[in-house]
Amino acid sequence: MTLTALRAASLRRLRSTQLYPTTPVAIPVLAMDLWTLTALVVALTVLMWAISEPAGGALNWYLGVVWCLYAPLGAMGVAGVLLHRRGRPFQRSEYTGRTDMQVIFTVPSLCHPQTVNALRRVVLSIARHAPANLSSWRVDVVTEEDNATPSLISELVALPNVRVVVVPSAYRTPTGASFKTRANHYAMEQRRRDGENTLSAYVYHLDDDTHVGRDTVASIAEFIETHHGRRYLAQGILAFPRELTTSTLAWYCDAIRPADDATRFALFTGWMGRPLGGLHGEHLIIRADIEDEIGWDFRDTVIEDAYFALEFAIRYPGRSTTLNSFSYGASPSSVSELVKQRRRWCEGLLRLICKRSLPWRVKAPLAYSVITWAMAPFQFIGLIMIIAVLSGASVAPPFDWLTPIWAFGLGSLMWQYSQGVKFNMAASAQQGSTWWRAALCVPGIYVFSAIETCGVVLGWIRFLGFGRQKTSEVIAKPL
């Protein structure tokens, strides 16, 4: 079969599946509604004052500390909304211009049966949308030698501008990086050998379950043409369309992620221009020469994106911004898969904040977020209620003035989940009513926090040295 015939057959096969990526015809304007946050905080404050009286027991003093931890995170989120976008709503890019600079889409993948359909969706989405705004582009699917199935490689390379980069089994980085970190570094070195790591080329990172839409590619061209020479890195909002997720509960749990992008990440990566809150390893664009300088050779980690974020913040303060677009990803296929994902994140982030080589002046904002999240098992309402019943103590603050702080911390979490649901529905192919889905997040926060707590507990266990990750983990995302 000729190459042309093979390409045509691959395109027909992929387009015939239900995985052909779509984005909503309408691009709604979205905003993090601060009035909703205000209403939640007022209602919770009044309710807490009505049902509890200050008490001075040991449990009350303990809760006076741990239940205030989320308030600063909520304040960071509000600051991100007010400072970066100055209260303006978020609108996905409709940029119609083009850029002549090279854009290399890098998609690391284990090519596992549980993710290979998603990988097809991702590659096809790039082939579909990239030509609209990019004059020079290529897709690099990066996989391990042991996972490189010849039939899949043939299918992928038959598509326009797709290259499969196979990481040799014997490859080692100077510091001994592993897993995705190692693959990213090899891909960067391959581009260096090809002479592509220049100031006129950009690398756009995607996971193998996250496809692009027309707004994604438009924002890439807009970023390059608007910020070239001034900003070297940009991160957009990770959205999770409903149709890409088989587990409704996992989809609700992931609602916190686009909301976090629109608030806390917007504050650091956008307004401050320093990704002190970390980065995602997807929907991330970096100028190629800057990525080459920093590299991905981070030893003993599964959260290479957070390490890269802090290294970038040290070397290039004020040089990051945000993309005006979504990426379209799949939440884990089940709650158990989501817990496994959170376990990996928790272990990796705890190890990061313990790294002595990273100065506290840089990692402090991320460390505070990690510590607050890692404290979830020790402030979980279910555990607190059991202790209160067994000890005869009341679940109340030691002082009345702490009640609004508690209410703000809890209300900001409810707010973020509810607003994240709106973002995810806006990214879904079928638009529907969002108000009741967002409202479910108010009582649902106790279910979501229980699931997150399970992942954190398992992460702590691994962090303490029991059952550490030795092989690459696959989070099932079959759609």
Protein backbone atom coordinates (compact mmCIF):
# COMPACT_ATOMS: atom_id res chain seq x y z
CA MET A 1 0.00 0.00 0.00
CA THR A 2 1.36 3.43 -0.90
CA LEU A 3 1.92 6.09 1.77
CA THR A 4 -0.94 8.17 0.35
CA ALA A 5 -3.33 5.22 0.48
CA LEU A 6 -2.20 4.37 4.03
CA ARG A 7 -2.83 7.95 5.18
CA ALA A 8 -6.27 7.95 3.61
CA ALA A 9 -7.14 4.62 5.25
CA SER A 10 -5.97 5.87 8.67
CA LEU A 11 -8.04 9.05 8.39
CA ARG A 12 -11.13 7.09 7.34
CA ARG A 13 -10.71 4.65 10.19
CA LEU A 14 -10.30 7.34 12.84
CA ARG A 15 -13.10 9.53 11.53
CA SER A 16 -15.46 6.57 11.48
CA THR A 17 -15.14 6.12 15.25
CA GLN A 18 -17.20 7.91 17.86
CA LEU A 19 -13.99 9.40 19.19
CA TYR A 20 -13.73 12.05 16.50
CA PRO A 21 -13.21 15.18 18.60
CA THR A 22 -15.76 17.93 18.56
CA THR A 23 -16.05 21.22 20.37
CA PRO A 24 -19.22 23.16 21.03
CA VAL A 25 -20.50 25.24 18.12
CA ALA A 26 -21.14 28.13 20.50
CA ILE A 27 -18.29 29.47 22.61
CA PRO A 28 -19.93 30.85 25.74
CA VAL A 29 -18.45 33.59 27.85
CA LEU A 30 -17.59 32.28 31.31
CA ALA A 31 -16.87 33.99 34.59
CA MET A 32 -15.92 32.92 38.10
CA ASP A 33 -19.05 34.30 39.75
CA LEU A 34 -17.94 36.12 42.91
CA TRP A 35 -21.58 36.79 43.87
CA THR A 36 -22.08 33.04 44.28
CA LEU A 37 -19.05 32.90 46.56
CA THR A 38 -20.37 35.82 48.61
CA ALA A 39 -23.78 34.18 49.02
CA LEU A 40 -22.24 30.88 50.09
CA VAL A 41 -19.96 32.50 52.67
CA VAL A 42 -22.78 34.59 54.17
CA ALA A 43 -25.15 31.61 54.32
CA LEU A 44 -22.54 29.35 55.92
CA THR A 45 -21.56 32.01 58.46
CA VAL A 46 -25.15 32.54 59.54
CA LEU A 47 -25.77 28.79 59.73
CA MET A 48 -22.63 28.12 61.78
CA TRP A 49 -23.43 30.92 64.21
CA ALA A 50 -26.96 29.56 64.58
CA ILE A 51 -26.04 25.94 65.36
CA SER A 52 -22.85 26.28 67.42
CA GLU A 53 -21.42 28.20 70.34
CA PRO A 54 -17.70 28.82 70.90
CA ALA A 55 -16.03 26.19 73.08
CA GLY A 56 -12.57 25.89 74.57
CA GLY A 57 -11.84 22.16 74.36
CA ALA A 58 -8.80 20.57 72.73
CA LEU A 59 -10.80 19.57 69.66
CA ASN A 60 -12.09 23.13 69.26
CA TRP A 61 -8.61 24.61 69.36
CA TYR A 62 -7.42 21.98 66.88
CA LEU A 63 -10.28 22.79 64.49
CA GLY A 64 -9.58 26.49 64.98
CA VAL A 65 -6.30 25.88 63.16
CA VAL A 66 -6.93 23.16 60.57
CA TRP A 67 -10.33 24.43 59.37
CA CYS A 68 -8.79 27.84 58.68
CA LEU A 69 -6.16 26.42 56.34
CA TYR A 70 -8.31 26.65 53.22
CA ALA A 71 -9.09 30.34 53.68
CA PRO A 72 -5.73 31.60 52.26
CA LEU A 73 -6.19 29.33 49.24
CA GLY A 74 -9.62 30.82 48.71
CA ALA A 75 -8.11 34.30 48.98
CA MET A 76 -5.51 33.37 46.32
CA GLY A 77 -8.35 32.27 44.05
CA VAL A 78 -10.28 35.50 44.48
CA ALA A 79 -7.07 37.48 43.89
CA GLY A 80 -6.49 35.55 40.66
CA VAL A 81 -9.97 36.47 39.40
CA LEU A 82 -9.65 40.13 40.36
CA LEU A 83 -6.03 40.79 39.46
CA HIS A 84 -5.33 38.72 36.36
CA ARG A 85 -8.63 39.19 34.53
CA ARG A 86 -9.64 42.26 36.55
CA GLY A 87 -13.04 40.69 37.08
CA ARG A 88 -13.62 40.27 33.34
CA PRO A 89 -15.15 36.98 32.16
CA PHE A 90 -13.09 34.29 30.49
CA GLN A 91 -13.66 33.93 26.76
CA ARG A 92 -12.00 31.33 24.61
CA SER A 93 -9.82 32.60 21.80
CA GLU A 94 -11.35 33.30 18.41
CA TYR A 95 -8.06 34.52 16.95
CA THR A 96 -8.04 34.19 13.16
CA GLY A 97 -4.42 35.10 12.48
CA ARG A 98 -1.55 32.74 11.74
CA THR A 99 1.96 32.26 13.00
CA ASP A 100 4.88 31.15 10.86
CA MET A 101 6.89 29.95 13.85
CA GLN A 102 7.20 26.21 14.29
CA VAL A 103 4.95 24.53 16.86
CA ILE A 104 5.76 20.98 17.95
CA PHE A 105 2.94 19.16 19.74
CA THR A 106 4.52 16.70 22.17
CA VAL A 107 2.31 13.84 23.35
CA PRO A 108 3.96 11.31 25.70
CA SER A 109 2.10 8.01 25.78
CA LEU A 110 2.56 4.47 27.02
CA CYS A 111 0.29 3.37 24.13
CA HIS A 112 -1.59 1.24 26.63
CA PRO A 113 -4.84 -0.45 25.51
CA GLN A 114 -6.74 1.58 28.13
CA THR A 115 -5.59 4.89 26.60
CA VAL A 116 -4.90 4.15 22.93
CA ASN A 117 -8.36 5.25 21.76
CA ALA A 118 -7.87 8.54 23.59
CA LEU A 119 -4.46 8.91 21.91
CA ARG A 120 -6.10 8.54 18.50
CA ARG A 121 -8.61 11.22 19.45
CA VAL A 122 -5.79 13.57 20.51
CA VAL A 123 -3.67 13.17 17.38
CA LEU A 124 -6.63 13.55 15.05
CA SER A 125 -7.78 16.71 16.83
CA ILE A 126 -4.40 18.30 16.18
CA ALA A 127 -4.45 17.24 12.52
CA ARG A 128 -7.92 18.74 12.22
CA HIS A 129 -7.37 22.12 13.91
CA ALA A 130 -3.65 22.99 13.57
CA PRO A 131 -3.72 24.07 9.89
CA ALA A 132 -6.20 26.86 10.67
CA ASN A 133 -3.65 29.00 12.55
CA LEU A 134 -0.25 27.32 12.22
CA SER A 135 1.93 27.39 9.11
CA SER A 136 4.55 25.00 10.48
CA TRP A 137 3.58 22.26 12.92
CA ARG A 138 4.29 18.64 13.82
CA VAL A 139 3.04 16.07 16.30
CA ASP A 140 5.64 14.05 18.25
CA VAL A 141 4.09 11.02 19.93
CA VAL A 142 6.70 9.95 22.49
CA THR A 143 6.58 6.35 23.65
CA GLU A 144 8.79 3.69 25.17
CA GLU A 145 10.56 1.08 23.06
CA ASP A 146 8.82 -1.73 24.92
CA ASN A 147 5.39 -0.20 24.20
CA ALA A 148 5.90 0.75 20.57
CA THR A 149 3.43 -1.49 18.74
CA PRO A 150 4.36 -1.55 15.03
CA SER A 151 0.73 -1.46 13.88
CA LEU A 152 -0.07 1.60 16.01
CA ILE A 153 3.10 3.37 14.90
CA SER A 154 2.20 2.75 11.25
CA GLU A 155 -1.30 4.07 11.86
CA LEU A 156 -0.02 7.25 13.54
CA VAL A 157 2.79 8.15 11.14
CA ALA A 158 0.37 7.77 8.23
CA LEU A 159 -1.39 10.89 9.49
CA PRO A 160 -0.15 14.31 8.31
CA ASN A 161 2.87 15.75 10.17
CA VAL A 162 3.00 12.98 12.79
CA ARG A 163 6.27 11.54 14.06
CA VAL A 164 6.65 8.76 16.62
CA VAL A 165 9.65 9.26 18.90
CA VAL A 166 10.66 5.95 20.48
CA VAL A 167 12.65 6.17 23.71
CA PRO A 168 15.24 3.36 23.74
CA SER A 169 15.03 1.01 26.71
CA ALA A 170 18.73 1.61 27.42
CA TYR A 171 18.39 5.41 27.50
CA ARG A 172 19.41 7.13 30.74
CA THR A 173 19.42 10.81 31.66
CA PRO A 174 22.43 12.28 33.51
CA THR A 175 20.57 12.26 36.86
CA GLY A 176 18.60 9.07 36.28
CA ALA A 177 15.12 10.48 35.61
CA SER A 178 12.32 7.97 35.15
CA PHE A 179 8.83 7.56 33.74
CA LYS A 180 7.35 10.53 31.84
CA THR A 181 10.19 12.78 33.01
CA ARG A 182 12.69 10.58 31.19
CA ALA A 183 10.56 10.47 28.04
CA ASN A 184 10.17 14.26 27.97
CA HIS A 185 13.91 14.72 28.31
CA TYR A 186 14.64 12.28 25.49
CA ALA A 187 12.18 14.09 23.22
CA MET A 188 13.84 17.39 24.07
CA GLU A 189 17.26 15.95 23.23
CA GLN A 190 15.92 14.58 19.94
CA ARG A 191 14.72 18.06 18.98
CA ARG A 192 18.14 19.41 19.95
CA ARG A 193 19.81 16.92 17.62
CA ASP A 194 17.43 18.02 14.88
CA GLY A 195 18.33 21.68 15.46
CA GLU A 196 14.79 22.63 16.47
CA ASN A 197 15.33 24.03 19.97
CA THR A 198 15.54 27.63 18.83
CA LEU A 199 13.89 30.89 19.85
CA SER A 200 11.64 30.67 16.78
CA ALA A 201 10.10 27.32 17.78
CA TYR A 202 7.62 26.40 20.48
CA VAL A 203 6.77 23.11 22.18
CA TYR A 204 3.14 22.51 23.14
CA HIS A 205 2.63 19.68 25.64
CA LEU A 206 -0.42 17.44 25.74
CA ASP A 207 -1.35 14.29 27.60
CA ASP A 208 -2.51 11.31 25.58
CA ASP A 209 -6.12 11.76 26.71
CA THR A 210 -6.43 15.52 26.09
CA HIS A 211 -7.39 16.81 22.66
CA VAL A 212 -7.33 20.33 21.28
CA GLY A 213 -10.18 22.43 19.87
CA ARG A 214 -10.21 25.33 17.47
CA ASP A 215 -9.89 27.71 20.44
CA THR A 216 -6.79 25.83 21.67
CA VAL A 217 -4.89 26.24 18.42
CA ALA A 218 -6.14 29.81 17.98
CA SER A 219 -4.79 30.71 21.44
CA ILE A 220 -1.41 29.14 20.62
CA ALA A 221 -1.02 31.35 17.55
CA GLU A 222 -2.36 34.35 19.49
CA PHE A 223 0.16 33.79 22.29
CA ILE A 224 3.10 33.49 19.90
CA GLU A 225 2.18 36.51 17.80
CA THR A 226 1.29 38.66 20.83
CA HIS A 227 3.94 37.69 23.36
CA HIS A 228 6.97 36.45 21.41
CA GLY A 229 10.12 37.83 22.98
CA ARG A 230 8.29 38.90 26.16
CA ARG A 231 6.67 35.71 27.49
CA TYR A 232 8.27 32.31 27.19
CA LEU A 233 5.62 30.04 28.67
CA ALA A 234 1.82 29.90 28.87
CA GLN A 235 -0.74 27.58 30.44
CA GLY A 236 -4.46 27.34 29.64
CA ILE A 237 -7.50 25.89 31.37
CA LEU A 238 -7.92 22.13 31.55
CA ALA A 239 -11.57 21.26 30.87
CA PHE A 240 -13.25 17.87 31.04
CA PRO A 241 -16.16 17.36 28.64
CA ARG A 242 -18.90 15.18 30.05
CA GLU A 243 -18.96 12.83 27.05
CA LEU A 244 -15.33 11.81 27.55
CA THR A 245 -15.84 10.43 31.05
CA THR A 246 -17.51 7.15 31.96
CA SER A 247 -17.70 7.97 35.68
CA THR A 248 -20.02 10.81 36.70
CA LEU A 249 -18.54 10.99 40.18
CA ALA A 250 -14.96 11.19 38.89
CA TRP A 251 -16.10 13.96 36.52
CA TYR A 252 -17.54 15.94 39.43
CA CYS A 253 -14.34 15.47 41.44
CA ASP A 254 -12.31 16.86 38.53
CA ALA A 255 -14.41 20.04 38.47
CA ILE A 256 -11.92 21.56 40.90
CA ARG A 257 -9.23 21.53 38.21
CA PRO A 258 -10.55 24.08 35.67
CA ALA A 259 -11.65 26.29 38.57
CA ASP A 260 -8.15 26.13 40.04
CA ASP A 261 -6.74 27.12 36.64
CA ALA A 262 -9.06 30.13 36.47
CA THR A 263 -8.20 31.28 40.00
CA ARG A 264 -4.99 30.23 41.77
CA PHE A 265 -3.02 29.39 38.61
CA ALA A 266 -4.23 32.64 37.04
CA LEU A 267 -2.75 34.54 39.98
CA PHE A 268 0.74 33.04 39.78
CA THR A 269 1.25 32.01 36.14
CA GLY A 270 -0.83 34.87 34.74
CA TRP A 271 -0.78 37.98 36.90
CA MET A 272 2.61 37.46 38.58
CA GLY A 273 4.20 35.87 35.52
CA ARG A 274 5.81 33.21 37.74
CA PRO A 275 4.28 29.71 37.96
CA LEU A 276 4.85 29.47 41.71
CA GLY A 277 1.66 27.44 42.08
CA GLY A 278 2.98 24.75 39.74
CA LEU A 279 2.08 23.80 36.18
CA HIS A 280 0.16 21.08 34.41
CA GLY A 281 2.04 18.82 32.05
CA GLU A 282 -0.62 19.47 29.41
CA HIS A 283 -2.10 22.49 27.66
CA LEU A 284 1.33 24.01 28.24
CA ILE A 285 3.41 25.87 25.64
CA ILE A 286 7.09 26.68 26.14
CA ARG A 287 9.57 28.35 23.82
CA ALA A 288 11.84 25.57 22.63
CA ASP A 289 15.18 27.13 23.57
CA ILE A 290 13.93 27.82 27.11
CA GLU A 291 12.77 24.23 27.52
CA ASP A 292 16.14 23.05 26.25
CA GLU A 293 17.92 25.20 28.83
CA ILE A 294 15.88 23.92 31.78
CA GLY A 295 15.32 20.38 30.51
CA TRP A 296 13.29 17.64 32.16
CA ASP A 297 16.04 15.76 33.94
CA PHE A 298 14.48 15.73 37.41
CA ARG A 299 15.46 12.70 39.40
CA ASP A 300 13.06 10.60 41.45
CA THR A 301 9.78 12.32 40.64
CA VAL A 302 6.43 11.65 38.98
CA ILE A 303 5.45 15.35 38.95
CA GLU A 304 7.98 16.75 36.52
CA ASP A 305 5.64 19.60 35.61
CA ALA A 306 5.83 21.09 39.12
CA TYR A 307 9.63 20.87 39.12
CA PHE A 308 9.80 22.58 35.74
CA ALA A 309 7.45 25.30 37.01
CA LEU A 310 9.70 26.19 39.94
CA GLU A 311 12.87 26.09 37.86
CA PHE A 312 11.23 28.43 35.35
CA ALA A 313 10.08 30.74 38.15
CA ILE A 314 13.66 30.97 39.43
CA ARG A 315 15.24 31.71 36.06
CA TYR A 316 12.56 33.73 34.29
CA PRO A 317 10.41 35.72 36.73
CA GLY A 318 7.62 37.65 35.03
CA ARG A 319 7.89 35.67 31.79
CA SER A 320 4.80 33.42 31.95
CA THR A 321 1.16 34.04 31.14
CA THR A 322 -2.08 32.21 30.37
CA LEU A 323 -3.70 30.87 27.21
CA ASN A 324 -7.24 32.00 26.40
CA SER A 325 -8.46 28.50 25.69
CA PHE A 326 -9.42 25.07 26.93
CA SER A 327 -7.85 21.71 26.43
CA TYR A 328 -10.36 18.87 26.33
CA GLY A 329 -9.41 15.95 28.56
CA ALA A 330 -10.95 12.84 30.05
CA SER A 331 -11.41 12.31 33.75
CA PRO A 332 -10.38 8.88 35.10
CA SER A 333 -12.75 6.10 34.12
CA SER A 334 -13.71 5.27 37.72
CA VAL A 335 -13.37 6.56 41.27
CA SER A 336 -10.69 3.95 41.99
CA GLU A 337 -8.64 5.21 39.03
CA LEU A 338 -9.07 8.78 40.28
CA VAL A 339 -7.86 7.77 43.75
CA LYS A 340 -4.82 6.14 42.14
CA GLN A 341 -4.11 9.38 40.27
CA ARG A 342 -4.41 11.50 43.42
CA ARG A 343 -2.17 9.05 45.30
CA ARG A 344 0.59 9.61 42.74
CA TRP A 345 0.21 13.39 42.87
CA CYS A 346 0.25 13.48 46.67
CA GLU A 347 3.37 11.37 46.98
CA GLY A 348 5.20 13.38 44.32
CA LEU A 349 4.24 16.78 45.72
CA LEU A 350 5.21 15.83 49.27
CA ARG A 351 8.63 14.78 47.98
CA LEU A 352 8.96 18.04 46.07
CA ILE A 353 8.44 20.28 49.10
CA CYS A 354 11.07 18.23 50.96
CA LYS A 355 13.69 18.85 48.26
CA ARG A 356 16.45 20.91 49.83
CA SER A 357 17.73 22.01 46.42
CA LEU A 358 14.60 24.12 45.87
CA PRO A 359 14.65 27.38 47.89
CA TRP A 360 11.66 28.06 50.13
CA ARG A 361 11.22 31.55 48.68
CA VAL A 362 10.17 29.85 45.44
CA LYS A 363 8.36 26.74 46.63
CA ALA A 364 6.49 28.34 49.56
CA PRO A 365 3.20 29.07 47.68
CA LEU A 366 3.09 25.56 46.20
CA ALA A 367 4.16 24.05 49.52
CA TYR A 368 1.28 25.75 51.32
CA SER A 369 -1.21 24.37 48.80
CA VAL A 370 0.30 20.89 49.09
CA ILE A 371 0.36 20.91 52.89
CA THR A 372 -3.25 22.08 53.03
CA TRP A 373 -4.29 19.30 50.65
CA ALA A 374 -2.14 16.72 52.47
CA MET A 375 -3.86 17.66 55.74
CA ALA A 376 -7.19 16.43 54.32
CA PRO A 377 -7.22 13.17 56.35
CA PHE A 378 -6.66 15.13 59.58
CA GLN A 379 -9.52 17.57 59.04
CA PHE A 380 -12.05 15.36 57.27
CA ILE A 381 -15.52 16.09 58.65
CA GLY A 382 -16.37 12.39 59.01
CA LEU A 383 -13.38 11.77 61.26
CA ILE A 384 -14.01 14.96 63.24
CA MET A 385 -17.63 13.99 63.88
CA ILE A 386 -16.62 10.53 65.13
CA ILE A 387 -14.07 12.06 67.50
CA ALA A 388 -16.65 14.61 68.71
CA VAL A 389 -19.25 11.92 69.44
CA LEU A 390 -16.78 9.65 71.23
CA SER A 391 -15.30 12.47 73.30
CA GLY A 392 -18.49 14.42 73.94
CA ALA A 393 -16.93 17.55 72.46
CA SER A 394 -18.69 20.05 70.23
CA VAL A 395 -17.70 20.85 66.65
CA ALA A 396 -17.31 24.60 67.16
CA PRO A 397 -14.58 27.22 66.96
CA PRO A 398 -12.88 28.53 70.10
CA PHE A 399 -13.86 32.10 69.11
CA ASP A 400 -16.85 33.57 67.27
CA TRP A 401 -14.63 35.57 64.93
CA LEU A 402 -13.21 32.34 63.47
CA THR A 403 -16.61 31.35 62.09
CA PRO A 404 -16.47 33.64 59.00
CA ILE A 405 -12.98 32.33 58.25
CA TRP A 406 -14.25 28.75 58.41
CA ALA A 407 -17.20 29.74 56.23
CA PHE A 408 -14.92 31.40 53.67
CA GLY A 409 -12.66 28.34 53.44
CA LEU A 410 -15.56 25.91 53.00
CA GLY A 411 -17.53 28.29 50.79
CA SER A 412 -14.58 28.86 48.47
CA LEU A 413 -14.26 25.10 47.92
CA MET A 414 -17.98 24.77 47.16
CA TRP A 415 -17.68 27.78 44.85
CA GLN A 416 -14.73 26.36 42.95
CA TYR A 417 -16.37 22.98 42.40
CA SER A 418 -19.62 24.58 41.25
CA GLN A 419 -17.86 26.98 38.88
CA GLY A 420 -15.65 24.17 37.59
CA VAL A 421 -18.76 22.22 36.63
CA LYS A 422 -19.88 25.21 34.56
CA PHE A 423 -16.52 25.28 32.76
CA ASN A 424 -16.70 21.55 32.06
CA MET A 425 -20.23 21.79 30.72
CA ALA A 426 -19.18 24.69 28.50
CA ALA A 427 -16.49 22.40 27.07
CA SER A 428 -18.95 19.56 26.42
CA ALA A 429 -20.28 18.81 22.96
CA GLN A 430 -23.87 18.87 24.18
CA GLN A 431 -24.71 22.03 26.06
CA GLY A 432 -27.28 21.58 28.80
CA SER A 433 -28.57 23.14 31.97
CA THR A 434 -25.74 23.71 34.42
CA TRP A 435 -27.38 25.32 37.44
CA TRP A 436 -28.54 22.06 39.05
CA ARG A 437 -25.22 20.35 38.35
CA ALA A 438 -23.40 23.27 39.96
CA ALA A 439 -25.83 23.25 42.91
CA LEU A 440 -25.08 19.55 43.53
CA CYS A 441 -21.53 20.55 44.40
CA VAL A 442 -22.69 22.21 47.64
CA PRO A 443 -23.75 18.97 49.40
CA GLY A 444 -21.45 16.97 47.13
CA ILE A 445 -18.35 18.60 48.59
CA TYR A 446 -18.45 16.09 51.44
CA VAL A 447 -18.39 13.17 49.00
CA PHE A 448 -15.68 14.73 46.85
CA SER A 449 -13.53 15.46 49.91
CA ALA A 450 -13.90 11.86 51.11
CA ILE A 451 -12.63 10.58 47.76
CA GLU A 452 -9.73 13.06 47.73
CA THR A 453 -8.90 12.04 51.30
CA CYS A 454 -8.55 8.40 50.23
CA GLY A 455 -6.02 9.39 47.60
CA VAL A 456 -4.11 11.57 50.05
CA VAL A 457 -3.95 8.80 52.67
CA LEU A 458 -2.49 6.40 50.09
CA GLY A 459 -0.08 9.12 48.97
CA TRP A 460 1.13 9.58 52.54
CA ILE A 461 1.70 5.82 52.80
CA ARG A 462 3.85 5.85 49.69
CA PHE A 463 5.66 8.99 50.80
CA LEU A 464 6.59 7.22 54.04
CA GLY A 465 8.23 4.46 52.03
CA PHE A 466 5.57 1.77 51.76
CA GLY A 467 4.92 0.51 48.23
CA ARG A 468 6.67 3.24 46.23
CA GLN A 469 5.95 3.47 42.51
CA LYS A 470 8.43 1.38 40.52
CA THR A 471 6.79 1.30 37.09
CA SER A 472 4.77 3.75 35.02
CA GLU A 473 1.16 3.81 36.16
CA VAL A 474 -1.66 3.93 33.64
CA ILE A 475 -4.82 5.83 34.63
CA ALA A 476 -7.58 4.26 32.55
CA LYS A 477 -9.21 6.80 30.21
CA PRO A 478 -10.67 4.71 27.41
CA LEU A 479 -12.66 7.40 25.53
